[in-house]
Every structure is written in structure tokens, then in C-alpha cells.
C-alpha atoms as a PDB file:
ATOM      1  CA  MET A   1       0.159   0.106   0.070  1.00  0.00           C
ATOM      2  CA  TYR A   2       2.297   2.587  -1.142  1.00  0.00           C
ATOM      3  CA  ASN A   3       2.933   5.108  -3.880  1.00  0.00           C
ATOM      4  CA  GLY A   4       6.614   5.902  -4.565  1.00  0.00           C
ATOM      5  CA  GLY A   5       5.925   8.736  -7.093  1.00  0.00           C
ATOM      6  CA  MET A   6       7.115  12.256  -6.980  1.00  0.00           C
ATOM      7  CA  SER A   7       5.345  14.407  -4.732  1.00  0.00           C
ATOM      8  CA  SER A   8       4.749  18.238  -5.743  1.00  0.00           C
ATOM      9  CA  THR A   9       4.883  19.226  -2.039  1.00  0.00           C
ATOM     10  CA  ALA A  10       8.583  18.429  -1.348  1.00  0.00           C
ATOM     11  CA  VAL A  11       9.899  19.927   1.760  1.00  0.00           C
ATOM     12  CA  LYS A  12      13.452  21.358   2.005  1.00  0.00           C
ATOM     13  CA  MET A  13      15.081  20.439   5.348  1.00  0.00           C
ATOM     14  CA  GLN A  14      16.836  23.727   6.663  1.00  0.00           C
ATOM     15  CA  PRO A  15      19.477  23.621   9.306  1.00  0.00           C
ATOM     16  CA  ARG A  16      18.890  24.735  12.411  1.00  0.00           C
ATOM     17  CA  ALA A  17      21.074  26.003  15.161  1.00  0.00           C
ATOM     18  CA  GLY A  18      21.846  23.038  17.581  1.00  0.00           C
ATOM     19  CA  ALA A  19      19.749  20.521  15.424  1.00  0.00           C
ATOM     20  CA  LYS A  20      20.992  17.549  13.568  1.00  0.00           C
ATOM     21  CA  THR A  21      19.917  17.731  10.004  1.00  0.00           C
ATOM     22  CA  ALA A  22      20.112  15.007   7.407  1.00  0.00           C
ATOM     23  CA  GLY A  23      20.444  17.642   4.647  1.00  0.00           C
ATOM     24  CA  LYS A  24      17.868  16.041   2.436  1.00  0.00           C
ATOM     25  CA  ASP A  25      14.676  17.034   0.448  1.00  0.00           C
ATOM     26  CA  PHE A  26      11.726  15.177   2.228  1.00  0.00           C
ATOM     27  CA  GLU A  27      10.230  14.080  -1.139  1.00  0.00           C
ATOM     28  CA  PRO A  28       8.745  10.804  -1.980  1.00  0.00           C
ATOM     29  CA  GLY A  29      10.566   8.956  -4.579  1.00  0.00           C
ATOM     30  CA  THR A  30      14.001  10.090  -3.635  1.00  0.00           C
ATOM     31  CA  PHE A  31      16.832   7.587  -2.576  1.00  0.00           C
ATOM     32  CA  GLY A  32      18.976   7.027   0.298  1.00  0.00           C
ATOM     33  CA  TRP A  33      16.551   6.993   3.318  1.00  0.00           C
ATOM     34  CA  VAL A  34      17.153   4.970   6.560  1.00  0.00           C
ATOM     35  CA  ALA A  35      15.392   4.175   9.418  1.00  0.00           C
ATOM     36  CA  SER A  36      17.661   6.341  11.662  1.00  0.00           C
ATOM     37  CA  ASP A  37      16.792   9.570   9.547  1.00  0.00           C
ATOM     38  CA  LEU A  38      13.688   9.474  11.562  1.00  0.00           C
ATOM     39  CA  ASP A  39      15.566  10.478  14.804  1.00  0.00           C
ATOM     40  CA  ASN A  40      16.007  13.747  13.055  1.00  0.00           C
ATOM     41  CA  PRO A  41      13.139  15.929  14.649  1.00  0.00           C
ATOM     42  CA  GLN A  42      12.701  17.714  11.564  1.00  0.00           C
ATOM     43  CA  ILE A  43      12.535  14.660   9.644  1.00  0.00           C
ATOM     44  CA  GLU A  44      10.248  12.967  11.995  1.00  0.00           C
ATOM     45  CA  ARG A  45       7.868  16.139  11.886  1.00  0.00           C
ATOM     46  CA  GLU A  46       7.326  15.658   8.092  1.00  0.00           C
ATOM     47  CA  TRP A  47       7.001  11.856   8.468  1.00  0.00           C
ATOM     48  CA  PHE A  48       4.027  12.255  10.741  1.00  0.00           C
ATOM     49  CA  LYS A  49       2.296  14.788   8.484  1.00  0.00           C
ATOM     50  CA  GLY A  50       1.501  12.232   6.002  1.00  0.00           C
ATOM     51  CA  ARG A  51       1.467   8.502   5.398  1.00  0.00           C
ATOM     52  CA  TYR A  52       5.059   7.418   4.481  1.00  0.00           C
ATOM     53  CA  GLU A  53       7.110   4.179   4.401  1.00  0.00           C
ATOM     54  CA  ILE A  54      10.770   3.628   3.709  1.00  0.00           C
ATOM     55  CA  VAL A  55      10.778   0.753   0.788  1.00  0.00           C
ATOM     56  CA  GLU A  56      14.274  -0.401   0.002  1.00  0.00           C
ATOM     57  CA  GLY A  57      15.990   2.824   0.749  1.00  0.00           C
ATOM     58  CA  VAL A  58      13.280   4.846  -0.979  1.00  0.00           C
ATOM     59  CA  LEU A  59      10.999   7.524   0.686  1.00  0.00           C
ATOM     60  CA  ALA A  60       7.362   6.235  -0.652  1.00  0.00           C
ATOM     61  CA  LYS A  61       3.930   7.832   0.134  1.00  0.00           C
ATOM     62  CA  MET A  62       1.245   5.552   0.781  1.00  0.00           C
ATOM     63  CA  PRO A  63      -2.230   6.060  -0.929  1.00  0.00           C
ATOM     64  CA  PRO A  64      -5.308   7.328   0.932  1.00  0.00           C
ATOM     65  CA  ALA A  65      -7.414   4.463   2.473  1.00  0.00           C
ATOM     66  CA  TYR A  66     -10.830   3.515   1.353  1.00  0.00           C
ATOM     67  CA  PHE A  67     -13.798   3.258   4.000  1.00  0.00           C
ATOM     68  CA  THR A  68     -14.584  -0.065   2.887  1.00  0.00           C
ATOM     69  CA  GLY A  69     -11.163  -1.495   3.804  1.00  0.00           C
ATOM     70  CA  GLY A  70     -11.091   0.353   6.736  1.00  0.00           C
ATOM     71  CA  SER A  71     -14.449  -0.739   7.684  1.00  0.00           C
ATOM     72  CA  ALA A  72     -13.716  -4.467   7.270  1.00  0.00           C
ATOM     73  CA  LEU A  73     -10.029  -4.051   9.024  1.00  0.00           C
ATOM     74  CA  TYR A  74     -12.062  -2.418  12.088  1.00  0.00           C
ATOM     75  CA  GLU A  75     -14.691  -5.379  12.114  1.00  0.00           C
ATOM     76  CA  LEU A  76     -12.055  -8.128  12.082  1.00  0.00           C
ATOM     77  CA  MET A  77     -10.009  -6.236  14.873  1.00  0.00           C
ATOM     78  CA  THR A  78     -13.180  -6.226  16.919  1.00  0.00           C
ATOM     79  CA  ARG A  79     -13.961  -9.670  16.659  1.00  0.00           C
ATOM     80  CA  VAL A  80     -10.093 -10.858  17.465  1.00  0.00           C
ATOM     81  CA  ASP A  81     -10.040  -8.476  20.572  1.00  0.00           C
ATOM     82  CA  GLN A  82     -13.155  -9.790  21.879  1.00  0.00           C
ATOM     83  CA  TYR A  83     -11.969 -13.075  21.634  1.00  0.00           C
ATOM     84  CA  LEU A  84      -8.877 -12.281  23.518  1.00  0.00           C
ATOM     85  CA  GLU A  85     -10.344 -10.117  25.954  1.00  0.00           C
ATOM     86  CA  GLN A  86     -10.217 -12.759  28.879  1.00  0.00           C
ATOM     87  CA  ARG A  87      -6.975 -14.357  27.523  1.00  0.00           C
ATOM     88  CA  GLY A  88      -4.412 -12.236  28.882  1.00  0.00           C
ATOM     89  CA  LYS A  89      -3.064  -8.618  27.778  1.00  0.00           C
ATOM     90  CA  TRP A  90      -3.148  -8.182  24.002  1.00  0.00           C
ATOM     91  CA  ARG A  91      -3.123  -4.523  22.389  1.00  0.00           C
ATOM     92  CA  PHE A  92      -4.140  -3.722  18.848  1.00  0.00           C
ATOM     93  CA  ALA A  93      -3.131  -0.441  17.223  1.00  0.00           C
ATOM     94  CA  THR A  94      -3.633   0.537  13.548  1.00  0.00           C
ATOM     95  CA  GLU A  95      -1.258   2.757  11.250  1.00  0.00           C
ATOM     96  CA  VAL A  96       1.726   1.375  12.992  1.00  0.00           C
ATOM     97  CA  GLU A  97       5.291   1.963  11.591  1.00  0.00           C
ATOM     98  CA  VAL A  98       7.471  -1.348  12.096  1.00  0.00           C
ATOM     99  CA  ILE A  99      11.373  -0.953  11.646  1.00  0.00           C
ATOM    100  CA  VAL A 100      12.025  -4.217   9.690  1.00  0.00           C
ATOM    101  CA  ASP A 101      15.797  -2.920   8.916  1.00  0.00           C
ATOM    102  CA  GLU A 102      17.372   0.379   8.326  1.00  0.00           C
ATOM    103  CA  ILE A 103      16.256   0.639   4.860  1.00  0.00           C
ATOM    104  CA  ARG A 104      12.437  -0.861   5.202  1.00  0.00           C
ATOM    105  CA  VAL A 105      10.445   0.745   7.444  1.00  0.00           C
ATOM    106  CA  PRO A 106       6.599  -0.277   6.467  1.00  0.00           C
ATOM    107  CA  ARG A 107       3.365   1.147   7.742  1.00  0.00           C
ATOM    108  CA  ALA A 108       1.307  -1.698   8.897  1.00  0.00           C
ATOM    109  CA  ASP A 109      -2.566  -1.296   8.857  1.00  0.00           C
ATOM    110  CA  ALA A 110      -3.096  -3.064  12.233  1.00  0.00           C
ATOM    111  CA  VAL A 111      -0.581  -4.583  14.586  1.00  0.00           C
ATOM    112  CA  LEU A 112      -1.420  -6.966  17.624  1.00  0.00           C
ATOM    113  CA  LEU A 113       1.079  -7.219  20.581  1.00  0.00           C
ATOM    114  CA  SER A 114       0.862  -9.465  23.293  1.00  0.00           C
ATOM    115  CA  GLY A 115       2.086  -8.863  26.581  1.00  0.00           C
ATOM    116  CA  GLU A 116       5.220 -10.599  26.026  1.00  0.00           C
ATOM    117  CA  ASP A 117       5.735  -8.721  22.636  1.00  0.00           C
ATOM    118  CA  ALA A 118       5.149  -5.400  24.838  1.00  0.00           C
ATOM    119  CA  ARG A 119       7.856  -6.535  27.109  1.00  0.00           C
ATOM    120  CA  LYS A 120      10.413  -7.188  24.318  1.00  0.00           C
ATOM    121  CA  GLN A 121       9.628  -3.799  22.677  1.00  0.00           C
ATOM    122  CA  ARG A 122      10.455  -2.151  25.776  1.00  0.00           C
ATOM    123  CA  ALA A 123      13.740  -3.961  26.262  1.00  0.00           C
ATOM    124  CA  ALA A 124      14.422  -3.172  22.595  1.00  0.00           C
ATOM    125  CA  ALA A 125      13.580   0.263  22.974  1.00  0.00           C
ATOM    126  CA  LYS A 126      16.117   0.607  26.101  1.00  0.00           C
ATOM    127  CA  ALA A 127      18.900  -1.402  24.210  1.00  0.00           C
ATOM    128  CA  ALA A 128      18.417   1.288  21.565  1.00  0.00           C
ATOM    129  CA  GLY A 129      18.822   4.179  23.888  1.00  0.00           C
ATOM    130  CA  ARG A 130      15.538   5.430  23.575  1.00  0.00           C
ATOM    131  CA  ARG A 131      14.361   7.569  26.410  1.00  0.00           C
ATOM    132  CA  ASP A 132      10.602   7.020  25.994  1.00  0.00           C
ATOM    133  CA  PRO A 133       9.396   3.496  24.724  1.00  0.00           C
ATOM    134  CA  ARG A 134       6.179   4.693  23.839  1.00  0.00           C
ATOM    135  CA  ARG A 135       7.633   7.016  21.328  1.00  0.00           C
ATOM    136  CA  THR A 136       9.624   4.282  19.670  1.00  0.00           C
ATOM    137  CA  LEU A 137       8.619   2.578  16.530  1.00  0.00           C
ATOM    138  CA  ILE A 138       8.225  -1.123  16.536  1.00  0.00           C
ATOM    139  CA  LEU A 139      11.386  -2.643  16.924  1.00  0.00           C
ATOM    140  CA  VAL A 140      10.368  -6.509  17.571  1.00  0.00           C
ATOM    141  CA  PRO A 141       8.108  -8.828  15.512  1.00  0.00           C
ATOM    142  CA  PRO A 142       4.769  -8.489  16.796  1.00  0.00           C
ATOM    143  CA  THR A 143       2.328 -11.601  17.244  1.00  0.00           C
ATOM    144  CA  LEU A 144       0.155 -10.650  14.192  1.00  0.00           C
ATOM    145  CA  ILE A 145       0.291  -7.744  11.594  1.00  0.00           C
ATOM    146  CA  ILE A 146      -2.793  -7.249   9.275  1.00  0.00           C
ATOM    147  CA  GLU A 147      -2.739  -5.375   5.848  1.00  0.00           C
ATOM    148  CA  SER A 148      -5.839  -4.188   4.297  1.00  0.00           C
ATOM    149  CA  VAL A 149      -5.138  -4.340   0.608  1.00  0.00           C
ATOM    150  CA  SER A 150      -6.005  -1.255  -1.555  1.00  0.00           C
ATOM    151  CA  PRO A 151      -6.878  -1.702  -5.112  1.00  0.00           C
ATOM    152  CA  GLY A 152      -3.971  -0.902  -7.332  1.00  0.00           C
ATOM    153  CA  HIS A 153      -1.413  -1.970  -4.606  1.00  0.00           C
ATOM    154  CA  GLU A 154      -1.919  -5.429  -4.067  1.00  0.00           C
ATOM    155  CA  LEU A 155       1.374  -6.636  -5.040  1.00  0.00           C
ATOM    156  CA  HIS A 156       2.950  -4.627  -2.027  1.00  0.00           C
ATOM    157  CA  ASP A 157       0.978  -6.239   0.570  1.00  0.00           C
ATOM    158  CA  ARG A 158       0.602  -9.884  -1.130  1.00  0.00           C
ATOM    159  CA  ARG A 159       4.495  -9.922  -2.272  1.00  0.00           C
ATOM    160  CA  THR A 160       6.862  -7.278  -0.899  1.00  0.00           C
ATOM    161  CA  LYS A 161       5.368  -6.934   2.895  1.00  0.00           C
ATOM    162  CA  ARG A 162       4.771 -10.714   3.047  1.00  0.00           C
ATOM    163  CA  ARG A 163       8.613 -11.230   2.312  1.00  0.00           C
ATOM    164  CA  TRP A 164       9.679  -8.384   4.710  1.00  0.00           C
ATOM    165  CA  TYR A 165       7.399  -9.836   7.452  1.00  0.00           C
ATOM    166  CA  ALA A 166       8.451 -13.185   6.994  1.00  0.00           C
ATOM    167  CA  GLU A 167      12.285 -12.237   7.299  1.00  0.00           C
ATOM    168  CA  PHE A 168      11.587 -10.139  10.339  1.00  0.00           C
ATOM    169  CA  GLY A 169       9.976 -13.162  11.969  1.00  0.00           C
ATOM    170  CA  VAL A 170       6.422 -11.905  12.390  1.00  0.00           C
ATOM    171  CA  PRO A 171       4.642 -15.294  13.164  1.00  0.00           C
ATOM    172  CA  ASN A 172       1.225 -14.466  11.897  1.00  0.00           C
ATOM    173  CA  TYR A 173       0.334 -12.371   8.758  1.00  0.00           C
ATOM    174  CA  TRP A 174      -3.050 -11.657   7.684  1.00  0.00           C
ATOM    175  CA  ILE A 175      -4.161 -10.282   4.324  1.00  0.00           C
ATOM    176  CA  LEU A 176      -7.441  -8.761   4.273  1.00  0.00           C
ATOM    177  CA  ASP A 177      -9.111  -7.869   0.869  1.00  0.00           C
ATOM    178  CA  ALA A 178     -12.391  -6.180   1.313  1.00  0.00           C
ATOM    179  CA  PHE A 179     -13.021  -5.557  -2.586  1.00  0.00           C
ATOM    180  CA  GLU A 180     -12.580  -9.438  -3.027  1.00  0.00           C
ATOM    181  CA  GLN A 181     -14.132 -10.263   0.225  1.00  0.00           C
ATOM    182  CA  SER A 182     -11.328 -12.348   1.239  1.00  0.00           C
ATOM    183  CA  LEU A 183      -8.970 -13.011   4.225  1.00  0.00           C
ATOM    184  CA  GLU A 184      -5.727 -15.153   3.743  1.00  0.00           C
ATOM    185  CA  CYS A 185      -3.943 -16.095   7.259  1.00  0.00           C
ATOM    186  CA  LEU A 186      -0.528 -16.846   6.823  1.00  0.00           C
ATOM    187  CA  ARG A 187       1.777 -18.267   9.356  1.00  0.00           C
ATOM    188  CA  LEU A 188       5.580 -18.555   9.373  1.00  0.00           C
ATOM    189  CA  GLY A 189       7.272 -21.842   8.363  1.00  0.00           C
ATOM    190  CA  ARG A 190      10.653 -23.068   7.745  1.00  0.00           C
ATOM    191  CA  GLY A 191      13.332 -21.021   6.205  1.00  0.00           C
ATOM    192  CA  SER A 192      11.305 -17.861   7.158  1.00  0.00           C
ATOM    193  CA  ARG A 193       8.737 -18.276   4.641  1.00  0.00           C
ATOM    194  CA  TYR A 194       4.917 -18.023   5.049  1.00  0.00           C
ATOM    195  CA  VAL A 195       2.715 -20.723   4.433  1.00  0.00           C
ATOM    196  CA  ARG A 196      -1.089 -20.568   4.249  1.00  0.00           C
ATOM    197  CA  ASP A 197      -2.755 -21.283   7.460  1.00  0.00           C
ATOM    198  CA  THR A 198      -6.374 -20.679   6.108  1.00  0.00           C
ATOM    199  CA  LYS A 199      -8.263 -18.675   3.826  1.00  0.00           C
ATOM    200  CA  GLY A 200     -11.766 -17.774   3.122  1.00  0.00           C
ATOM    201  CA  LYS A 201     -14.053 -15.579   1.067  1.00  0.00           C
ATOM    202  CA  GLY A 202     -17.548 -14.221   0.890  1.00  0.00           C
ATOM    203  CA  GLY A 203     -19.640 -15.477   3.898  1.00  0.00           C
ATOM    204  CA  GLN A 204     -17.409 -18.505   4.621  1.00  0.00           C
ATOM    205  CA  LYS A 205     -16.196 -19.222   8.251  1.00  0.00           C
ATOM    206  CA  ILE A 206     -12.467 -19.657   8.971  1.00  0.00           C
ATOM    207  CA  LYS A 207     -10.431 -20.852  11.943  1.00  0.00           C
ATOM    208  CA  PRO A 208      -6.957 -19.240  12.278  1.00  0.00           C
ATOM    209  CA  SER A 209      -4.547 -21.814  14.139  1.00  0.00           C
ATOM    210  CA  CYS A 210      -2.857 -19.254  16.006  1.00  0.00           C
ATOM    211  CA  PHE A 211      -5.979 -18.336  17.998  1.00  0.00           C
ATOM    212  CA  PRO A 212      -7.509 -21.743  19.166  1.00  0.00           C
ATOM    213  CA  ASP A 213     -11.473 -21.738  19.093  1.00  0.00           C
ATOM    214  CA  LEU A 214     -11.701 -18.303  17.333  1.00  0.00           C
ATOM    215  CA  VAL A 215     -14.076 -18.495  14.480  1.00  0.00           C
ATOM    216  CA  VAL A 216     -14.404 -15.455  12.027  1.00  0.00           C
ATOM    217  CA  ASN A 217     -17.535 -15.362  10.183  1.00  0.00           C
ATOM    218  CA  LEU A 218     -16.574 -13.302   7.004  1.00  0.00           C
ATOM    219  CA  ALA A 219     -19.750 -12.190   6.391  1.00  0.00           C
ATOM    220  CA  ASN A 220     -19.735  -9.868   9.371  1.00  0.00           C
ATOM    221  CA  LEU A 221     -16.767  -7.756   7.713  1.00  0.00           C
ATOM    222  CA  TRP A 222     -18.060  -6.860   4.500  1.00  0.00           C
ATOM    223  CA  ASP A 223     -20.483  -3.851   3.513  1.00  0.00           C
ATOM    224  CA  GLU A 224     -23.963  -5.290   3.191  1.00  0.00           C
ATOM    225  CA  GLY A 225     -24.972  -2.463   0.326  1.00  0.00           C
ATOM    226  CA  ASP A 226     -24.389  -3.106  -3.401  1.00  0.00           C
ATOM    227  CA  ASP A 227     -23.952   0.277  -5.224  1.00  0.00           C
ATOM    228  CA  SER A 228     -24.171  -1.724  -8.292  1.00  0.00           C
ATOM    229  CA  ASP A 229     -28.085  -1.923  -8.111  1.00  0.00           C
ATOM    230  CA  GLU A 230     -29.975   0.334 -10.162  1.00  0.00           C
ATOM    231  CA  ASP A 231     -33.370   1.633  -9.293  1.00  0.00           C
END
């Protein structure tokens, strides 16, 4: 879910007394970007103004999300959250940046951290010298990442992020496609590769193995209306 095209609103990084500066144009499509650039307060400020990723060292701008995809994602998260409510401390968040490595910083549509994940994240933030773990991008593999596919950017979720998250060691990766009305649940297998755990479409019910006894009725995720109907 990204757009590596050039932006008409490039921001020139101007040096400031006492401030570290990368001396770069904050412009989507430019090369040479790394995760540590985000430690520069000026760059961080511009980063959080939009929806950006670092894709193999390229600053990329993500497309706006559609309501249909966001709604289906919300419904899915709600059902997983309800299932986990009495099963320990779990936390969902949306639009989360994950540092896979220095040249790959994707923005995940949804991230689920277990209590153990959160502990590891705090330890990793401390080891990285971060003063406030709450203001640290995700440094450890979360239990689950969900991406909601945007039309025209399917390969970024189905191929690029699939490879990144597997190499990073994310145990479970779900690809939600509200436009095709499908959910594919992947789990990490041998050789840092994902294998299909389960997949369903339309009104089917699926049972992801990472959450025993969880049954996801896909019919509850999709919009009920059909705009193709004519009066």
C-alpha cells in the first residue's frame, strides 16, 4: 500500500542551530533513506504529517485508505479483540510503523502485541537508547500484522510486505481484501517463509490456528449494500 511517485509538495530540510539535519529534501521517490533518519526531529515532523514508508531505501507515500477496507479491518480487529479479552493482555493499534531494518520501514494497517511482545519492545527500545519506549517505532516482531489491500497496490501487501514480515520473523500475517471479500491467514514456516494457514471468501467461516477456538465469520466483515444495483 504505497505510492513511490514524486510529490509536488517537497519539503526542504533547513539547518537549525543545535539541531541534527540530514541535509535532504523530504520528497517521495528520493533514494538514500534509512530508519535512523527518523531520529532527526525535522524529518520526524514531516514524516508524521503524512502516510509514508521507507521501501528499500526509497521514501514512499502511501495512498489514502478507502472506507470499505478500513471498515472491514475494524470489524476483524473487533472480533479478534473480543476473543482475546479474557486471554491475557493484548493490544491492537492501527497505522503502525515497523522497523524491519534500516532501509525498510513499512506502515502496517494493524499490529497486535501480546504482553510478551510489549515487554520485548520495551527492552529493545532501552537497548536502542530510546528515552521513551512509547515514542519508539516497533522494533520487534509482533504476534500478528494485518494489511488491508488497496486497489492498485495489491503486490505491495501480497508480495513485498509478505517477504519483509517473514524475514523479520512476524509469526502471523493476515491479508484482508475487502474488495474481493477475502481473508488469507499466513503463518511463519521453515526458512522464514509464510505458508497458508487458512483462507476464506464471502460468507465463509475460518479458524486461524494461532487463536484456538476463534471462528471468524467473514460475512460480518463486509459492507451489506451493493452500489451496483440500479433503481
